[in-house]
C-alpha atoms as a PDB file:
ATOM      1  CA  UNK A   1     -12.112  12.306  -5.119  1.00  0.00           C
ATOM      2  CA  UNK A   2     -13.509   8.542  -4.390  1.00  0.00           C
ATOM      3  CA  UNK A   3     -13.463   8.512  -0.867  1.00  0.00           C
ATOM      4  CA  UNK A   4     -14.685  11.983  -0.465  1.00  0.00           C
ATOM      5  CA  UNK A   5     -17.477  10.804  -2.340  1.00  0.00           C
ATOM      6  CA  UNK A   6     -18.556   7.327  -0.467  1.00  0.00           C
ATOM      7  CA  UNK A   7     -18.502   9.504   2.833  1.00  0.00           C
ATOM      8  CA  UNK A   8     -20.221  12.239   1.510  1.00  0.00           C
ATOM      9  CA  UNK A   9     -23.390   8.822   0.581  1.00  0.00           C
ATOM     10  CA  UNK A  10     -23.066   8.218   3.778  1.00  0.00           C
ATOM     11  CA  UNK A  11     -24.217  11.656   4.686  1.00  0.00           C
ATOM     12  CA  UNK A  12     -22.126  12.555   7.882  1.00  0.00           C
ATOM     13  CA  UNK A  13     -23.682  16.040   8.509  1.00  0.00           C
ATOM     14  CA  UNK A  14     -21.213  16.712  10.472  1.00  0.00           C
ATOM     15  CA  UNK A  15     -18.101  15.594   8.718  1.00  0.00           C
ATOM     16  CA  UNK A  16     -15.717  18.459   6.382  1.00  0.00           C
ATOM     17  CA  UNK A  17     -14.138  16.762   3.744  1.00  0.00           C
ATOM     18  CA  UNK A  18     -11.390  18.327   1.863  1.00  0.00           C
ATOM     19  CA  UNK A  19     -10.311  16.392  -1.538  1.00  0.00           C
ATOM     20  CA  UNK A  20      -6.333  17.883  -1.644  1.00  0.00           C
ATOM     21  CA  UNK A  21      -3.162  16.221  -1.916  1.00  0.00           C
ATOM     22  CA  UNK A  22      -1.760  16.624   2.203  1.00  0.00           C
ATOM     23  CA  UNK A  23       0.783  18.692   1.949  1.00  0.00           C
ATOM     24  CA  UNK A  24      -1.451  21.908   0.118  1.00  0.00           C
ATOM     25  CA  UNK A  25      -4.398  21.056   2.398  1.00  0.00           C
ATOM     26  CA  UNK A  26      -2.769  24.252   4.556  1.00  0.00           C
ATOM     27  CA  UNK A  27      -5.166  25.505   7.507  1.00  0.00           C
ATOM     28  CA  UNK A  28      -6.342  23.529  10.896  1.00  0.00           C
ATOM     29  CA  UNK A  29      -8.788  22.822  12.706  1.00  0.00           C
ATOM     30  CA  UNK A  30      -8.928  19.448  10.807  1.00  0.00           C
ATOM     31  CA  UNK A  31      -9.686  16.294  13.537  1.00  0.00           C
ATOM     32  CA  UNK A  32      -7.646  13.667  11.304  1.00  0.00           C
ATOM     33  CA  UNK A  33      -5.113  13.909   8.615  1.00  0.00           C
ATOM     34  CA  UNK A  34      -5.621  10.280   6.515  1.00  0.00           C
ATOM     35  CA  UNK A  35      -3.056   9.420   3.887  1.00  0.00           C
ATOM     36  CA  UNK A  36      -3.822   6.218   2.199  1.00  0.00           C
ATOM     37  CA  UNK A  37      -1.000   4.060   0.221  1.00  0.00           C
ATOM     38  CA  UNK A  38       1.122   7.396  -0.013  1.00  0.00           C
ATOM     39  CA  UNK A  39       2.744   8.421   2.987  1.00  0.00           C
ATOM     40  CA  UNK A  40       5.901   7.677   1.268  1.00  0.00           C
ATOM     41  CA  UNK A  41       5.521  10.139  -1.189  1.00  0.00           C
ATOM     42  CA  UNK A  42       5.311  12.756   1.089  1.00  0.00           C
ATOM     43  CA  UNK A  43       7.797  15.614   1.037  1.00  0.00           C
ATOM     44  CA  UNK A  44      10.224  14.898   4.170  1.00  0.00           C
ATOM     45  CA  UNK A  45       8.296  17.664   6.363  1.00  0.00           C
ATOM     46  CA  UNK A  46       5.156  15.488   6.616  1.00  0.00           C
ATOM     47  CA  UNK A  47       4.569  14.959   9.863  1.00  0.00           C
ATOM     48  CA  UNK A  48       4.536  18.427  10.539  1.00  0.00           C
ATOM     49  CA  UNK A  49       2.183  19.715   7.705  1.00  0.00           C
ATOM     50  CA  UNK A  50       0.452  16.568   9.621  1.00  0.00           C
ATOM     51  CA  UNK A  51       0.336  18.085  13.020  1.00  0.00           C
ATOM     52  CA  UNK A  52       0.034  21.793  11.666  1.00  0.00           C
ATOM     53  CA  UNK A  53      -3.707  20.476  10.731  1.00  0.00           C
ATOM     54  CA  UNK A  54      -5.350  18.075  12.517  1.00  0.00           C
ATOM     55  CA  UNK A  55      -4.513  16.385  16.359  1.00  0.00           C
ATOM     56  CA  UNK A  56      -4.210  12.895  14.796  1.00  0.00           C
ATOM     57  CA  UNK A  57      -3.431  11.263  11.543  1.00  0.00           C
ATOM     58  CA  UNK A  58      -4.183   8.141  10.300  1.00  0.00           C
ATOM     59  CA  UNK A  59      -2.078   6.126   7.853  1.00  0.00           C
ATOM     60  CA  UNK A  60      -3.260   3.227   5.940  1.00  0.00           C
ATOM     61  CA  UNK A  61      -1.433   0.934   3.970  1.00  0.00           C
ATOM     62  CA  UNK A  62      -1.974  -2.421   2.220  1.00  0.00           C
ATOM     63  CA  UNK A  63       0.801  -4.943   1.839  1.00  0.00           C
ATOM     64  CA  UNK A  64       0.084  -8.394   0.545  1.00  0.00           C
ATOM     65  CA  UNK A  65       0.542 -11.451   3.093  1.00  0.00           C
ATOM     66  CA  UNK A  66       2.231 -14.772   1.591  1.00  0.00           C
ATOM     67  CA  UNK A  67       1.096 -16.507  -1.141  1.00  0.00           C
ATOM     68  CA  UNK A  68      -0.080 -20.128  -1.859  1.00  0.00           C
ATOM     69  CA  UNK A  69       3.457 -21.898  -1.398  1.00  0.00           C
ATOM     70  CA  UNK A  70       3.172 -23.655  -4.431  1.00  0.00           C
ATOM     71  CA  UNK A  71       2.364 -21.012  -6.747  1.00  0.00           C
ATOM     72  CA  UNK A  72       4.596 -18.476  -4.694  1.00  0.00           C
ATOM     73  CA  UNK A  73       7.341 -21.042  -5.701  1.00  0.00           C
ATOM     74  CA  UNK A  74       6.526 -20.867  -9.423  1.00  0.00           C
ATOM     75  CA  UNK A  75       6.303 -16.914  -9.672  1.00  0.00           C
ATOM     76  CA  UNK A  76       9.199 -16.537  -7.618  1.00  0.00           C
ATOM     77  CA  UNK A  77      11.370 -18.733 -10.022  1.00  0.00           C
ATOM     78  CA  UNK A  78       9.877 -16.818 -13.043  1.00  0.00           C
ATOM     79  CA  UNK A  79      11.188 -14.076 -11.200  1.00  0.00           C
ATOM     80  CA  UNK A  80      14.385 -14.888 -10.702  1.00  0.00           C
ATOM     81  CA  UNK A  81      14.979 -15.876 -14.358  1.00  0.00           C
ATOM     82  CA  UNK A  82      14.335 -12.560 -15.733  1.00  0.00           C
ATOM     83  CA  UNK A  83      14.176  -9.809 -13.177  1.00  0.00           C
ATOM     84  CA  UNK A  84      17.358  -8.040 -12.280  1.00  0.00           C
ATOM     85  CA  UNK A  85      19.182  -9.623  -9.601  1.00  0.00           C
ATOM     86  CA  UNK A  86      19.478  -7.101  -7.612  1.00  0.00           C
ATOM     87  CA  UNK A  87      15.917  -6.023  -7.363  1.00  0.00           C
ATOM     88  CA  UNK A  88      14.166  -6.004  -4.233  1.00  0.00           C
ATOM     89  CA  UNK A  89      10.815  -8.927  -3.962  1.00  0.00           C
ATOM     90  CA  UNK A  90       8.567  -9.113  -1.821  1.00  0.00           C
ATOM     91  CA  UNK A  91       9.927 -10.810   1.667  1.00  0.00           C
ATOM     92  CA  UNK A  92       8.042 -13.263   3.432  1.00  0.00           C
ATOM     93  CA  UNK A  93       7.261 -11.130   6.274  1.00  0.00           C
ATOM     94  CA  UNK A  94       6.398  -8.053   4.516  1.00  0.00           C
ATOM     95  CA  UNK A  95       3.376  -7.278   7.147  1.00  0.00           C
ATOM     96  CA  UNK A  96       5.556  -7.504  10.010  1.00  0.00           C
ATOM     97  CA  UNK A  97       7.962  -5.212   8.541  1.00  0.00           C
ATOM     98  CA  UNK A  98       6.116  -2.769   6.926  1.00  0.00           C
ATOM     99  CA  UNK A  99       3.903  -2.399  10.596  1.00  0.00           C
ATOM    100  CA  UNK A 100       7.450  -2.333  11.996  1.00  0.00           C
ATOM    101  CA  UNK A 101       9.413   0.293  10.426  1.00  0.00           C
ATOM    102  CA  UNK A 102       5.854   2.862   9.581  1.00  0.00           C
ATOM    103  CA  UNK A 103       5.534   2.069  13.845  1.00  0.00           C
ATOM    104  CA  UNK A 104       9.680   3.660  13.552  1.00  0.00           C
ATOM    105  CA  UNK A 105       9.261   6.329  11.473  1.00  0.00           C
ATOM    106  CA  UNK A 106       5.576   7.852  13.389  1.00  0.00           C
ATOM    107  CA  UNK A 107       8.237   6.823  16.929  1.00  0.00           C
ATOM    108  CA  UNK A 108      10.527   9.046  15.531  1.00  0.00           C
ATOM    109  CA  UNK A 109       9.095  11.665  14.228  1.00  0.00           C
ATOM    110  CA  UNK A 110       8.934  13.722  17.385  1.00  0.00           C
ATOM    111  CA  UNK A 111       5.406  15.142  16.242  1.00  0.00           C
ATOM    112  CA  UNK A 112       3.319  12.273  17.052  1.00  0.00           C
ATOM    113  CA  UNK A 113       3.153   9.439  19.859  1.00  0.00           C
ATOM    114  CA  UNK A 114       3.476   5.521  19.292  1.00  0.00           C
ATOM    115  CA  UNK A 115       0.771   4.590  17.367  1.00  0.00           C
ATOM    116  CA  UNK A 116      -2.479   2.496  17.819  1.00  0.00           C
ATOM    117  CA  UNK A 117      -2.113  -0.620  14.790  1.00  0.00           C
ATOM    118  CA  UNK A 118      -4.633  -2.261  13.180  1.00  0.00           C
ATOM    119  CA  UNK A 119      -4.406  -5.079  11.605  1.00  0.00           C
ATOM    120  CA  UNK A 120      -7.487  -5.991   8.181  1.00  0.00           C
ATOM    121  CA  UNK A 121      -7.209  -9.227   6.973  1.00  0.00           C
ATOM    122  CA  UNK A 122      -8.985  -9.052   3.228  1.00  0.00           C
ATOM    123  CA  UNK A 123      -8.356 -10.797  -0.181  1.00  0.00           C
ATOM    124  CA  UNK A 124      -8.904 -10.297  -3.960  1.00  0.00           C
ATOM    125  CA  UNK A 125      -9.421 -12.940  -6.877  1.00  0.00           C
ATOM    126  CA  UNK A 126      -7.591 -12.164 -10.041  1.00  0.00           C
ATOM    127  CA  UNK A 127      -7.923 -13.695 -13.378  1.00  0.00           C
ATOM    128  CA  UNK A 128      -4.902 -13.768 -15.271  1.00  0.00           C
ATOM    129  CA  UNK A 129      -5.725 -10.755 -17.657  1.00  0.00           C
ATOM    130  CA  UNK A 130      -6.608  -9.110 -15.184  1.00  0.00           C
ATOM    131  CA  UNK A 131      -3.653  -9.683 -12.340  1.00  0.00           C
ATOM    132  CA  UNK A 132      -1.297  -9.144 -15.168  1.00  0.00           C
ATOM    133  CA  UNK A 133      -3.220  -5.957 -15.874  1.00  0.00           C
ATOM    134  CA  UNK A 134      -2.221  -4.912 -12.502  1.00  0.00           C
ATOM    135  CA  UNK A 135       1.394  -5.598 -13.014  1.00  0.00           C
ATOM    136  CA  UNK A 136       1.510  -3.376 -15.907  1.00  0.00           C
ATOM    137  CA  UNK A 137       1.070  -0.729 -13.097  1.00  0.00           C
ATOM    138  CA  UNK A 138       4.087  -1.175 -11.248  1.00  0.00           C
ATOM    139  CA  UNK A 139       7.144   0.505 -11.611  1.00  0.00           C
ATOM    140  CA  UNK A 140       9.206  -2.080 -11.539  1.00  0.00           C
ATOM    141  CA  UNK A 141       7.521  -4.034 -13.812  1.00  0.00           C
ATOM    142  CA  UNK A 142       7.368  -1.290 -15.847  1.00  0.00           C
ATOM    143  CA  UNK A 143      10.794  -0.338 -16.402  1.00  0.00           C
ATOM    144  CA  UNK A 144      11.395  -3.683 -17.755  1.00  0.00           C
ATOM    145  CA  UNK A 145      12.821  -4.484 -21.492  1.00  0.00           C
ATOM    146  CA  UNK A 146       9.466  -5.436 -23.463  1.00  0.00           C
ATOM    147  CA  UNK A 147      11.323  -8.424 -23.998  1.00  0.00           C
ATOM    148  CA  UNK A 148      11.714  -9.189 -20.493  1.00  0.00           C
ATOM    149  CA  UNK A 149       8.906  -7.883 -18.859  1.00  0.00           C
ATOM    150  CA  UNK A 150       6.764 -10.087 -22.207  1.00  0.00           C
ATOM    151  CA  UNK A 151       8.799 -13.495 -21.258  1.00  0.00           C
ATOM    152  CA  UNK A 152       7.959 -12.484 -17.190  1.00  0.00           C
ATOM    153  CA  UNK A 153       4.539 -11.791 -17.562  1.00  0.00           C
ATOM    154  CA  UNK A 154       4.288 -15.000 -19.824  1.00  0.00           C
ATOM    155  CA  UNK A 155       5.608 -16.658 -16.819  1.00  0.00           C
ATOM    156  CA  UNK A 156       3.270 -15.648 -14.926  1.00  0.00           C
ATOM    157  CA  UNK A 157       0.324 -16.083 -16.581  1.00  0.00           C
ATOM    158  CA  UNK A 158       1.085 -19.668 -17.393  1.00  0.00           C
ATOM    159  CA  UNK A 159       1.621 -20.112 -13.216  1.00  0.00           C
ATOM    160  CA  UNK A 160      -1.876 -18.701 -12.734  1.00  0.00           C
ATOM    161  CA  UNK A 161      -3.445 -20.397 -15.116  1.00  0.00           C
ATOM    162  CA  UNK A 162      -1.762 -23.907 -14.151  1.00  0.00           C
ATOM    163  CA  UNK A 163      -3.030 -22.900 -10.976  1.00  0.00           C
ATOM    164  CA  UNK A 164      -7.130 -22.980 -12.257  1.00  0.00           C
ATOM    165  CA  UNK A 165      -6.801 -19.264 -14.214  1.00  0.00           C
ATOM    166  CA  UNK A 166      -7.091 -16.419 -10.632  1.00  0.00           C
ATOM    167  CA  UNK A 167      -4.753 -15.719  -8.597  1.00  0.00           C
ATOM    168  CA  UNK A 168      -5.519 -15.184  -4.521  1.00  0.00           C
ATOM    169  CA  UNK A 169      -3.824 -12.122  -3.425  1.00  0.00           C
ATOM    170  CA  UNK A 170      -3.881 -11.845   0.570  1.00  0.00           C
ATOM    171  CA  UNK A 171      -3.878  -8.658   2.048  1.00  0.00           C
ATOM    172  CA  UNK A 172      -3.559  -6.590   4.967  1.00  0.00           C
ATOM    173  CA  UNK A 173      -4.246  -3.517   5.196  1.00  0.00           C
ATOM    174  CA  UNK A 174      -2.509  -1.824   8.386  1.00  0.00           C
ATOM    175  CA  UNK A 175      -3.606   1.116  10.051  1.00  0.00           C
ATOM    176  CA  UNK A 176      -1.814   3.257  11.928  1.00  0.00           C
ATOM    177  CA  UNK A 177      -3.567   5.927  14.514  1.00  0.00           C
ATOM    178  CA  UNK A 178      -1.317   7.955  16.385  1.00  0.00           C
ATOM    179  CA  UNK A 179      -1.828  11.452  18.288  1.00  0.00           C
ATOM    180  CA  UNK A 180       0.055  14.692  18.449  1.00  0.00           C
ATOM    181  CA  UNK A 181       2.482  15.124  21.158  1.00  0.00           C
ATOM    182  CA  UNK A 182       2.494  18.109  23.714  1.00  0.00           C
END
C-alpha cells in the first residue's frame, strides 16, 4: 500500500497499480511483476505466477553489509553467549551469497532468463532503543526465551552505547530484473 501511494503521488498517468498479494493478483497484461523483500515467502509456483502476469520480473531484497569491525566483534560476542549455537548468523559476505542464491534460483526457474543485478548501497542510523525495537521484530529474536532475549538485548544495548549510542547499519538493496523466456 505504501509503495502504491508513493507511485500515485508521482502522478504516473500510464501506470496501473494493483495493491494485492503477488499470488492473488491473477490476470495478465502487466509490464512487470515486482516482489519486494518477500519472494522467499511466496508459494513454490511463484515463477509461473509471475510469468503468467508479466513478461518481466523484478525482485528487490535488502541485505546487511558488514558492520564496523570493533562493534561487530562486541555484537558477535553477545550473540555467541545468548543465541543458540546452531542458529544461522549473518555471513561476512552475505550480500554476495544472496546475490548468487537469487541468480541461481531465477536461472533454475526455467521460466525467466538470467537476471540483470544492480546493487544499491545505503545506510540507516539507529539510536540504541530504536535498534532494539527493530531486533524485536526479527523472528529468530522473538522466539528466544524472555530471560535469554533480555540478556542479549542488554548486551547489544551496552555495545551500541559504548560506541556512541547509535549503530549505523550498511545495507545493500539487491535488484534482480529478469525477462520471461520464450
